[in-house]
Amino acid sequence: MNKFVLALLVVVGIAAVSEAVAIRKLGRQQLDGQICQFCTTLIGELEQVVEGDEQDIIAEANKLCDSLSGGIQIIDGYCKSIVDQEIEKVEDDIKNNEDPQTVCQKIALC
C-alpha cells in the first residue's frame, strides 16, 4: 500500500510539473485556445454519438476521452475531469445539438 501511495504521489507530482512547464511554454492565450478547441471537439463528437438518444452521456463522453487523448494520461485525466464536473450542466444542450462553441462557453472553457 505504501508503495502505491508513493507511486501515486510521484505521478501526480510529475503531472503537476509537466502542466506548469506546458503553461509557461505555450503562454496562457495559446493554452486557452487549445482548451477551447479540445472542448469543442469533445462536445461535437459527443453530439454525433448521442444524436438525441437517451444514452448515458457521461459514459459516452468518457469513451470519447479515451479516444481523443491518444493514450496520454494527463490529457485523458483532464478530459475526464471536464466530463465529471461539467457535462451534466450542459446535457440538454448536447442532446439538442447546440453549437459546441456555445456549449463550451457555458462551462467557461471557451
N, C-alpha and C. Protein backbone atom coordinates (compact mmCIF):
# COMPACT_ATOMS: atom_id res chain seq x y z
N MET A 1 0.83 -1.19 0.00
CA MET A 1 0.00 0.00 0.00
C MET A 1 0.87 1.26 0.00
N ASN A 2 1.94 1.26 0.79
CA ASN A 2 2.81 2.43 0.86
C ASN A 2 3.49 2.71 -0.46
N LYS A 3 3.87 1.64 -1.18
CA LYS A 3 4.49 1.81 -2.49
C LYS A 3 3.50 2.42 -3.46
N PHE A 4 2.24 2.00 -3.36
CA PHE A 4 1.21 2.54 -4.24
C PHE A 4 1.02 4.03 -3.98
N VAL A 5 0.94 4.42 -2.72
CA VAL A 5 0.75 5.84 -2.38
C VAL A 5 1.94 6.65 -2.86
N LEU A 6 3.14 6.14 -2.66
CA LEU A 6 4.34 6.83 -3.12
C LEU A 6 4.34 6.97 -4.63
N ALA A 7 3.99 5.90 -5.33
CA ALA A 7 3.94 5.95 -6.80
C ALA A 7 2.89 6.95 -7.26
N LEU A 8 1.76 6.96 -6.60
CA LEU A 8 0.70 7.91 -6.95
C LEU A 8 1.16 9.35 -6.74
N LEU A 9 1.84 9.61 -5.65
CA LEU A 9 2.36 10.95 -5.38
C LEU A 9 3.39 11.36 -6.43
N VAL A 10 4.22 10.44 -6.85
CA VAL A 10 5.22 10.74 -7.89
C VAL A 10 4.52 11.08 -9.20
N VAL A 11 3.53 10.30 -9.56
CA VAL A 11 2.80 10.55 -10.81
C VAL A 11 2.10 11.90 -10.76
N VAL A 12 1.44 12.20 -9.65
CA VAL A 12 0.76 13.50 -9.50
C VAL A 12 1.78 14.63 -9.57
N GLY A 13 2.92 14.46 -8.93
CA GLY A 13 3.96 15.48 -8.97
C GLY A 13 4.48 15.70 -10.38
N ILE A 14 4.72 14.64 -11.10
CA ILE A 14 5.20 14.75 -12.48
C ILE A 14 4.14 15.44 -13.34
N ALA A 15 2.90 15.07 -13.15
CA ALA A 15 1.81 15.70 -13.92
C ALA A 15 1.74 17.19 -13.63
N ALA A 16 1.88 17.56 -12.37
CA ALA A 16 1.82 18.98 -12.00
C ALA A 16 2.98 19.76 -12.61
N VAL A 17 4.17 19.18 -12.57
CA VAL A 17 5.34 19.83 -13.15
C VAL A 17 5.18 19.94 -14.66
N SER A 18 4.72 18.87 -15.28
CA SER A 18 4.51 18.88 -16.73
C SER A 18 3.51 19.95 -17.13
N GLU A 19 2.44 20.07 -16.36
CA GLU A 19 1.43 21.07 -16.66
C GLU A 19 1.99 22.48 -16.49
N ALA A 20 2.77 22.70 -15.45
CA ALA A 20 3.37 24.02 -15.23
C ALA A 20 4.33 24.39 -16.36
N VAL A 21 5.12 23.43 -16.79
CA VAL A 21 6.05 23.66 -17.89
C VAL A 21 5.28 23.97 -19.17
N ALA A 22 4.22 23.22 -19.41
CA ALA A 22 3.41 23.43 -20.61
C ALA A 22 2.78 24.81 -20.62
N ILE A 23 2.31 25.24 -19.47
CA ILE A 23 1.69 26.57 -19.38
C ILE A 23 2.71 27.65 -19.69
N ARG A 24 3.91 27.52 -19.14
CA ARG A 24 4.94 28.52 -19.42
C ARG A 24 5.33 28.52 -20.89
N LYS A 25 5.47 27.34 -21.49
CA LYS A 25 5.89 27.24 -22.88
C LYS A 25 4.84 27.78 -23.83
N LEU A 26 3.61 27.42 -23.61
CA LEU A 26 2.56 27.77 -24.54
C LEU A 26 2.05 29.19 -24.39
N GLY A 27 2.15 29.71 -23.20
CA GLY A 27 1.54 31.01 -22.95
C GLY A 27 0.06 30.82 -22.68
N ARG A 28 -0.47 31.65 -21.88
CA ARG A 28 -1.85 31.48 -21.44
C ARG A 28 -2.85 31.55 -22.60
N GLN A 29 -2.67 32.48 -23.51
CA GLN A 29 -3.63 32.63 -24.60
C GLN A 29 -3.67 31.40 -25.49
N GLN A 30 -2.52 30.89 -25.84
CA GLN A 30 -2.47 29.71 -26.69
C GLN A 30 -3.06 28.51 -25.96
N LEU A 31 -2.76 28.39 -24.66
CA LEU A 31 -3.31 27.29 -23.88
C LEU A 31 -4.83 27.38 -23.82
N ASP A 32 -5.35 28.59 -23.61
CA ASP A 32 -6.80 28.77 -23.59
C ASP A 32 -7.42 28.34 -24.92
N GLY A 33 -6.76 28.68 -26.01
CA GLY A 33 -7.25 28.28 -27.33
C GLY A 33 -7.27 26.77 -27.49
N GLN A 34 -6.25 26.11 -26.98
CA GLN A 34 -6.19 24.65 -27.09
C GLN A 34 -7.25 23.99 -26.21
N ILE A 35 -7.49 24.56 -25.03
CA ILE A 35 -8.53 24.03 -24.15
C ILE A 35 -9.89 24.18 -24.83
N CYS A 36 -10.14 25.34 -25.42
CA CYS A 36 -11.39 25.58 -26.12
C CYS A 36 -11.54 24.60 -27.28
N GLN A 37 -10.49 24.43 -28.05
CA GLN A 37 -10.54 23.51 -29.19
C GLN A 37 -10.80 22.08 -28.73
N PHE A 38 -10.16 21.68 -27.65
CA PHE A 38 -10.37 20.33 -27.12
C PHE A 38 -11.83 20.17 -26.68
N CYS A 39 -12.35 21.18 -26.00
CA CYS A 39 -13.73 21.14 -25.54
C CYS A 39 -14.70 21.06 -26.71
N THR A 40 -14.51 21.90 -27.72
CA THR A 40 -15.44 21.88 -28.85
C THR A 40 -15.36 20.56 -29.61
N THR A 41 -14.18 19.98 -29.69
CA THR A 41 -14.04 18.67 -30.32
C THR A 41 -14.80 17.62 -29.51
N LEU A 42 -14.60 17.63 -28.19
CA LEU A 42 -15.29 16.68 -27.32
C LEU A 42 -16.80 16.81 -27.44
N ILE A 43 -17.31 18.03 -27.36
CA ILE A 43 -18.76 18.25 -27.42
C ILE A 43 -19.30 17.88 -28.80
N GLY A 44 -18.60 18.28 -29.85
CA GLY A 44 -19.03 17.94 -31.21
C GLY A 44 -19.11 16.44 -31.44
N GLU A 45 -18.08 15.74 -31.01
CA GLU A 45 -18.06 14.27 -31.16
C GLU A 45 -19.16 13.65 -30.31
N LEU A 46 -19.35 14.17 -29.12
CA LEU A 46 -20.37 13.64 -28.22
C LEU A 46 -21.76 13.83 -28.81
N GLU A 47 -22.00 14.97 -29.43
CA GLU A 47 -23.29 15.21 -30.06
C GLU A 47 -23.55 14.22 -31.19
N GLN A 48 -22.52 13.86 -31.93
CA GLN A 48 -22.68 12.88 -33.01
C GLN A 48 -22.99 11.49 -32.46
N VAL A 49 -22.35 11.14 -31.36
CA VAL A 49 -22.55 9.81 -30.77
C VAL A 49 -23.94 9.71 -30.14
N VAL A 50 -24.34 10.76 -29.46
CA VAL A 50 -25.60 10.71 -28.72
C VAL A 50 -26.80 10.86 -29.64
N GLU A 51 -26.76 11.83 -30.55
CA GLU A 51 -27.84 12.05 -31.53
C GLU A 51 -29.24 12.00 -30.91
N GLY A 52 -29.42 12.68 -29.78
CA GLY A 52 -30.75 12.77 -29.18
C GLY A 52 -31.19 11.54 -28.42
N ASP A 53 -30.42 10.46 -28.48
CA ASP A 53 -30.76 9.25 -27.74
C ASP A 53 -30.72 9.51 -26.25
N GLU A 54 -31.29 8.60 -25.52
CA GLU A 54 -31.26 8.69 -24.07
C GLU A 54 -30.06 7.89 -23.51
N GLN A 55 -29.01 7.84 -24.30
CA GLN A 55 -27.81 7.14 -23.85
C GLN A 55 -27.22 7.86 -22.65
N ASP A 56 -26.38 7.16 -21.94
CA ASP A 56 -25.67 7.76 -20.81
C ASP A 56 -24.58 8.66 -21.36
N ILE A 57 -24.82 9.95 -21.33
CA ILE A 57 -23.88 10.92 -21.91
C ILE A 57 -22.52 10.84 -21.23
N ILE A 58 -22.50 10.68 -19.93
CA ILE A 58 -21.22 10.64 -19.21
C ILE A 58 -20.41 9.42 -19.64
N ALA A 59 -21.04 8.26 -19.76
CA ALA A 59 -20.32 7.06 -20.20
C ALA A 59 -19.79 7.25 -21.62
N GLU A 60 -20.60 7.81 -22.49
CA GLU A 60 -20.16 8.06 -23.86
C GLU A 60 -19.02 9.08 -23.90
N ALA A 61 -19.12 10.11 -23.07
CA ALA A 61 -18.07 11.14 -23.03
C ALA A 61 -16.76 10.54 -22.53
N ASN A 62 -16.83 9.66 -21.55
CA ASN A 62 -15.60 9.02 -21.05
C ASN A 62 -14.96 8.15 -22.12
N LYS A 63 -15.78 7.47 -22.94
CA LYS A 63 -15.24 6.69 -24.05
C LYS A 63 -14.53 7.62 -25.05
N LEU A 64 -15.15 8.77 -25.31
CA LEU A 64 -14.53 9.72 -26.22
C LEU A 64 -13.22 10.25 -25.66
N CYS A 65 -13.16 10.47 -24.34
CA CYS A 65 -11.91 10.91 -23.72
C CYS A 65 -10.80 9.91 -23.98
N ASP A 66 -11.13 8.63 -23.83
CA ASP A 66 -10.13 7.58 -24.10
C ASP A 66 -9.62 7.69 -25.53
N SER A 67 -10.53 7.95 -26.45
CA SER A 67 -10.18 8.04 -27.86
C SER A 67 -9.40 9.33 -28.17
N LEU A 68 -9.90 10.46 -27.69
CA LEU A 68 -9.30 11.76 -28.01
C LEU A 68 -7.94 11.98 -27.36
N SER A 69 -7.71 11.34 -26.23
CA SER A 69 -6.46 11.57 -25.50
C SER A 69 -5.26 10.88 -26.15
N GLY A 70 -5.52 9.94 -27.03
CA GLY A 70 -4.43 9.25 -27.70
C GLY A 70 -3.51 8.50 -26.75
N GLY A 71 -4.06 8.08 -25.62
CA GLY A 71 -3.26 7.33 -24.65
C GLY A 71 -2.40 8.18 -23.74
N ILE A 72 -2.49 9.49 -23.86
CA ILE A 72 -1.70 10.39 -23.00
C ILE A 72 -2.50 10.62 -21.73
N GLN A 73 -1.98 10.10 -20.62
CA GLN A 73 -2.72 10.08 -19.36
C GLN A 73 -3.14 11.46 -18.87
N ILE A 74 -2.27 12.45 -18.98
CA ILE A 74 -2.61 13.77 -18.45
C ILE A 74 -3.77 14.38 -19.24
N ILE A 75 -3.81 14.12 -20.54
CA ILE A 75 -4.92 14.63 -21.36
C ILE A 75 -6.18 13.85 -21.04
N ASP A 76 -6.07 12.53 -20.90
CA ASP A 76 -7.22 11.71 -20.56
C ASP A 76 -7.80 12.14 -19.21
N GLY A 77 -6.94 12.37 -18.24
CA GLY A 77 -7.40 12.82 -16.92
C GLY A 77 -8.08 14.17 -16.98
N TYR A 78 -7.52 15.08 -17.77
CA TYR A 78 -8.12 16.40 -17.91
C TYR A 78 -9.49 16.29 -18.58
N CYS A 79 -9.56 15.49 -19.62
CA CYS A 79 -10.82 15.30 -20.33
C CYS A 79 -11.88 14.73 -19.40
N LYS A 80 -11.52 13.71 -18.65
CA LYS A 80 -12.49 13.08 -17.76
C LYS A 80 -12.89 14.00 -16.61
N SER A 81 -12.01 14.92 -16.22
CA SER A 81 -12.40 15.89 -15.19
C SER A 81 -13.42 16.87 -15.75
N ILE A 82 -13.30 17.22 -17.03
CA ILE A 82 -14.32 18.05 -17.68
C ILE A 82 -15.66 17.31 -17.66
N VAL A 83 -15.61 16.04 -18.02
CA VAL A 83 -16.83 15.23 -18.05
C VAL A 83 -17.45 15.17 -16.65
N ASP A 84 -16.65 14.85 -15.65
CA ASP A 84 -17.16 14.69 -14.29
C ASP A 84 -17.75 15.98 -13.73
N GLN A 85 -17.13 17.11 -14.06
CA GLN A 85 -17.51 18.37 -13.44
C GLN A 85 -18.50 19.20 -14.25
N GLU A 86 -18.52 19.02 -15.57
CA GLU A 86 -19.25 19.98 -16.39
C GLU A 86 -20.35 19.42 -17.29
N ILE A 87 -20.24 18.20 -17.73
CA ILE A 87 -21.15 17.68 -18.76
C ILE A 87 -22.62 17.74 -18.32
N GLU A 88 -22.91 17.39 -17.08
CA GLU A 88 -24.31 17.40 -16.63
C GLU A 88 -24.93 18.79 -16.75
N LYS A 89 -24.11 19.84 -16.63
CA LYS A 89 -24.61 21.21 -16.72
C LYS A 89 -25.14 21.53 -18.10
N VAL A 90 -24.63 20.84 -19.11
CA VAL A 90 -25.00 21.15 -20.49
C VAL A 90 -25.56 19.93 -21.23
N GLU A 91 -26.06 18.98 -20.48
CA GLU A 91 -26.56 17.74 -21.08
C GLU A 91 -27.67 18.00 -22.09
N ASP A 92 -28.62 18.87 -21.75
CA ASP A 92 -29.71 19.17 -22.69
C ASP A 92 -29.18 19.84 -23.95
N ASP A 93 -28.19 20.73 -23.80
CA ASP A 93 -27.60 21.39 -24.97
C ASP A 93 -26.97 20.36 -25.90
N ILE A 94 -26.31 19.37 -25.32
CA ILE A 94 -25.67 18.32 -26.12
C ILE A 94 -26.72 17.50 -26.86
N LYS A 95 -27.77 17.10 -26.15
CA LYS A 95 -28.84 16.30 -26.77
C LYS A 95 -29.55 17.08 -27.87
N ASN A 96 -29.58 18.40 -27.75
CA ASN A 96 -30.24 19.25 -28.75
C ASN A 96 -29.29 19.75 -29.83
N ASN A 97 -28.06 19.22 -29.84
CA ASN A 97 -27.05 19.60 -30.83
C ASN A 97 -26.77 21.10 -30.87
N GLU A 98 -26.70 21.70 -29.70
CA GLU A 98 -26.30 23.11 -29.61
C GLU A 98 -24.88 23.24 -30.16
N ASP A 99 -24.56 24.39 -30.71
CA ASP A 99 -23.23 24.64 -31.25
C ASP A 99 -22.17 24.35 -30.17
N PRO A 100 -21.18 23.50 -30.48
CA PRO A 100 -20.16 23.15 -29.48
C PRO A 100 -19.45 24.37 -28.87
N GLN A 101 -19.19 25.39 -29.66
CA GLN A 101 -18.54 26.60 -29.14
C GLN A 101 -19.42 27.23 -28.05
N THR A 102 -20.71 27.31 -28.30
CA THR A 102 -21.64 27.89 -27.33
C THR A 102 -21.69 27.04 -26.06
N VAL A 103 -21.72 25.74 -26.22
CA VAL A 103 -21.75 24.84 -25.06
C VAL A 103 -20.49 25.02 -24.23
N CYS A 104 -19.35 25.09 -24.87
CA CYS A 104 -18.08 25.25 -24.16
C CYS A 104 -17.99 26.62 -23.49
N GLN A 105 -18.58 27.62 -24.08
CA GLN A 105 -18.63 28.93 -23.43
C GLN A 105 -19.46 28.88 -22.16
N LYS A 106 -20.54 28.12 -22.18
CA LYS A 106 -21.40 27.99 -20.99
C LYS A 106 -20.67 27.39 -19.81
N ILE A 107 -19.69 26.54 -20.09
CA ILE A 107 -18.93 25.91 -19.00
C ILE A 107 -17.55 26.54 -18.86
N ALA A 108 -17.39 27.73 -19.42
CA ALA A 108 -16.19 28.55 -19.26
C ALA A 108 -14.91 27.89 -19.76
N LEU A 109 -15.02 27.12 -20.86
CA LEU A 109 -13.83 26.53 -21.46
C LEU A 109 -13.49 27.18 -22.80
N CYS A 110 -14.28 28.14 -23.22
CA CYS A 110 -14.01 28.94 -24.41
C CYS A 110 -14.26 30.41 -24.09
